[in-house]
C-alpha cells in the first residue's frame, strides 16, 4: 500500500457515513445514530544504496455519542450517557482528593 492509498483510506474511514448511522424508522419515529470518530494514518519510504523500504500505519477510534430523534416534524438530540467515563472521572477525582487531602492537627 502506498501513501496515496493510505490517505484515501483515512479519508474514507473518517467520512460522514461513519459518524451518522443509517436511519431507523419505527412507529412514525426516525432515529439517526451519531458517533464520534477520529483517527489518522501515516507512512513513509526511504532508499539506501541497494535497498528500498517503506511502511505505514492507521488508527481509528469511534464511540457512540447519541442519536437524532425525529418525531412529528421536530428534531431533538438524545445524548448517550457513558457510564464508564463517568466512573473513571469520579474515581480520578476521589484519588486526587485522597492524595492531596491533609488532615488538620
C-alpha atoms as a PDB file:
ATOM      1  CA  UNK A   1       0.000   0.000   0.000  1.00  0.00           C
ATOM      2  CA  UNK A   2       1.442   3.368  -0.954  1.00  0.00           C
ATOM      3  CA  UNK A   3       0.938   6.665   0.874  1.00  0.00           C
ATOM      4  CA  UNK A   4      -1.766   7.861  -1.546  1.00  0.00           C
ATOM      5  CA  UNK A   5      -3.834   4.726  -0.903  1.00  0.00           C
ATOM      6  CA  UNK A   6      -3.398   5.163   2.846  1.00  0.00           C
ATOM      7  CA  UNK A   7      -4.546   8.803   2.728  1.00  0.00           C
ATOM      8  CA  UNK A   8      -7.601   7.787   0.693  1.00  0.00           C
ATOM      9  CA  UNK A   9      -8.357   5.020   3.215  1.00  0.00           C
ATOM     10  CA  UNK A  10      -8.091   7.509   6.081  1.00  0.00           C
ATOM     11  CA  UNK A  11     -10.423   9.917   4.307  1.00  0.00           C
ATOM     12  CA  UNK A  12     -12.957   7.175   3.615  1.00  0.00           C
ATOM     13  CA  UNK A  13     -12.841   5.878   7.209  1.00  0.00           C
ATOM     14  CA  UNK A  14     -13.451   9.324   8.692  1.00  0.00           C
ATOM     15  CA  UNK A  15     -16.304  10.300   6.386  1.00  0.00           C
ATOM     16  CA  UNK A  16     -19.848  11.249   7.375  1.00  0.00           C
ATOM     17  CA  UNK A  17     -21.133   7.694   6.861  1.00  0.00           C
ATOM     18  CA  UNK A  18     -19.000   6.642   9.847  1.00  0.00           C
ATOM     19  CA  UNK A  19     -20.380   9.445  12.019  1.00  0.00           C
ATOM     20  CA  UNK A  20     -24.072   9.165  11.140  1.00  0.00           C
ATOM     21  CA  UNK A  21     -25.567   5.690  11.021  1.00  0.00           C
ATOM     22  CA  UNK A  22     -28.413   4.538   8.815  1.00  0.00           C
ATOM     23  CA  UNK A  23     -31.777   5.954   9.923  1.00  0.00           C
ATOM     24  CA  UNK A  24     -34.163   3.568  11.673  1.00  0.00           C
ATOM     25  CA  UNK A  25     -37.900   4.241  11.274  1.00  0.00           C
ATOM     26  CA  UNK A  26     -40.492   2.683  13.550  1.00  0.00           C
ATOM     27  CA  UNK A  27     -44.000   3.814  14.550  1.00  0.00           C
ATOM     28  CA  UNK A  28     -43.547   7.176  12.796  1.00  0.00           C
ATOM     29  CA  UNK A  29     -40.304   7.976  14.657  1.00  0.00           C
ATOM     30  CA  UNK A  30     -36.952   8.228  12.868  1.00  0.00           C
ATOM     31  CA  UNK A  31     -33.742   7.667  14.827  1.00  0.00           C
ATOM     32  CA  UNK A  32     -30.330   8.546  13.352  1.00  0.00           C
ATOM     33  CA  UNK A  33     -27.401   7.239  15.441  1.00  0.00           C
ATOM     34  CA  UNK A  34     -24.399   9.565  15.861  1.00  0.00           C
ATOM     35  CA  UNK A  35     -20.817   8.614  16.713  1.00  0.00           C
ATOM     36  CA  UNK A  36     -17.613  10.494  17.423  1.00  0.00           C
ATOM     37  CA  UNK A  37     -14.970   9.227  15.026  1.00  0.00           C
ATOM     38  CA  UNK A  38     -11.314  10.183  14.932  1.00  0.00           C
ATOM     39  CA  UNK A  39      -8.217   8.706  13.501  1.00  0.00           C
ATOM     40  CA  UNK A  40      -5.190   9.188  11.409  1.00  0.00           C
ATOM     41  CA  UNK A  41      -2.611   7.491   9.328  1.00  0.00           C
ATOM     42  CA  UNK A  42       0.954   7.911   8.310  1.00  0.00           C
ATOM     43  CA  UNK A  43       3.552   6.366   6.161  1.00  0.00           C
ATOM     44  CA  UNK A  44       6.914   6.784   4.635  1.00  0.00           C
ATOM     45  CA  UNK A  45       9.551   5.279   2.446  1.00  0.00           C
ATOM     46  CA  UNK A  46      13.268   5.513   2.028  1.00  0.00           C
ATOM     47  CA  UNK A  47      16.167   4.421  -0.078  1.00  0.00           C
ATOM     48  CA  UNK A  48      19.730   3.439   0.667  1.00  0.00           C
ATOM     49  CA  UNK A  49      22.355   2.145  -1.617  1.00  0.00           C
ATOM     50  CA  UNK A  50      20.918  -1.128  -2.848  1.00  0.00           C
ATOM     51  CA  UNK A  51      17.908  -1.028  -0.500  1.00  0.00           C
ATOM     52  CA  UNK A  52      14.447   0.460  -0.519  1.00  0.00           C
ATOM     53  CA  UNK A  53      11.765   0.250   2.117  1.00  0.00           C
ATOM     54  CA  UNK A  54       8.528   1.708   3.268  1.00  0.00           C
ATOM     55  CA  UNK A  55       5.776   1.311   5.754  1.00  0.00           C
ATOM     56  CA  UNK A  56       2.728   2.879   7.253  1.00  0.00           C
ATOM     57  CA  UNK A  57       0.007   2.625   9.791  1.00  0.00           C
ATOM     58  CA  UNK A  58      -3.533   3.694  10.541  1.00  0.00           C
ATOM     59  CA  UNK A  59      -5.598   4.098  13.693  1.00  0.00           C
ATOM     60  CA  UNK A  60      -9.300   4.716  14.172  1.00  0.00           C
ATOM     61  CA  UNK A  61     -11.481   5.275  17.240  1.00  0.00           C
ATOM     62  CA  UNK A  62     -15.257   5.501  17.275  1.00  0.00           C
ATOM     63  CA  UNK A  63     -17.766   5.787  20.105  1.00  0.00           C
ATOM     64  CA  UNK A  64     -21.488   6.411  20.253  1.00  0.00           C
ATOM     65  CA  UNK A  65     -22.439   9.904  21.383  1.00  0.00           C
ATOM     66  CA  UNK A  66     -26.196   9.918  20.854  1.00  0.00           C
ATOM     67  CA  UNK A  67     -28.960   9.956  18.310  1.00  0.00           C
ATOM     68  CA  UNK A  68     -31.161  12.430  16.483  1.00  0.00           C
ATOM     69  CA  UNK A  69     -34.818  11.606  17.068  1.00  0.00           C
ATOM     70  CA  UNK A  70     -37.317  12.942  14.518  1.00  0.00           C
ATOM     71  CA  UNK A  71     -40.973  12.861  15.531  1.00  0.00           C
ATOM     72  CA  UNK A  72     -43.865  14.996  14.294  1.00  0.00           C
ATOM     73  CA  UNK A  73     -41.584  17.323  12.274  1.00  0.00           C
ATOM     74  CA  UNK A  74     -39.467  18.032  15.395  1.00  0.00           C
ATOM     75  CA  UNK A  75     -35.832  17.033  15.787  1.00  0.00           C
ATOM     76  CA  UNK A  76     -34.057  16.600  19.113  1.00  0.00           C
ATOM     77  CA  UNK A  77     -30.674  15.185  20.048  1.00  0.00           C
ATOM     78  CA  UNK A  78     -30.564  12.476  22.730  1.00  0.00           C
ATOM     79  CA  UNK A  79     -27.039  12.093  24.141  1.00  0.00           C
ATOM     80  CA  UNK A  80     -25.634   8.749  25.247  1.00  0.00           C
ATOM     81  CA  UNK A  81     -24.710   8.517  28.907  1.00  0.00           C
ATOM     82  CA  UNK A  82     -21.249   6.939  29.036  1.00  0.00           C
ATOM     83  CA  UNK A  83     -21.210   5.264  32.456  1.00  0.00           C
ATOM     84  CA  UNK A  84     -17.581   4.174  32.082  1.00  0.00           C
ATOM     85  CA  UNK A  85     -16.392   7.745  31.504  1.00  0.00           C
ATOM     86  CA  UNK A  86     -18.407   8.979  34.492  1.00  0.00           C
ATOM     87  CA  UNK A  87     -16.963   6.226  36.719  1.00  0.00           C
ATOM     88  CA  UNK A  88     -13.388   6.936  35.602  1.00  0.00           C
ATOM     89  CA  UNK A  89     -13.827  10.666  36.215  1.00  0.00           C
ATOM     90  CA  UNK A  90     -15.287  10.040  39.681  1.00  0.00           C
ATOM     91  CA  UNK A  91     -12.512   7.600  40.591  1.00  0.00           C
ATOM     92  CA  UNK A  92      -9.861  10.056  39.377  1.00  0.00           C
ATOM     93  CA  UNK A  93     -11.392  12.897  41.398  1.00  0.00           C
ATOM     94  CA  UNK A  94     -11.529  10.744  44.537  1.00  0.00           C
ATOM     95  CA  UNK A  95      -7.937   9.599  44.024  1.00  0.00           C
ATOM     96  CA  UNK A  96      -6.747  13.196  43.672  1.00  0.00           C
ATOM     97  CA  UNK A  97      -8.676  14.258  46.774  1.00  0.00           C
ATOM     98  CA  UNK A  98      -7.215  11.352  48.755  1.00  0.00           C
ATOM     99  CA  UNK A  99      -3.707  12.142  47.525  1.00  0.00           C
ATOM    100  CA  UNK A 100      -3.794  15.892  48.258  1.00  0.00           C
ATOM    101  CA  UNK A 101      -6.006  15.937  51.359  1.00  0.00           C
ATOM    102  CA  UNK A 102      -4.123  16.582  54.576  1.00  0.00           C
ATOM    103  CA  UNK A 103      -5.996  16.431  57.899  1.00  0.00           C
ATOM    104  CA  UNK A 104      -5.675  19.417  60.236  1.00  0.00           C
ATOM    105  CA  UNK A 105      -3.960  18.984  63.563  1.00  0.00           C
END
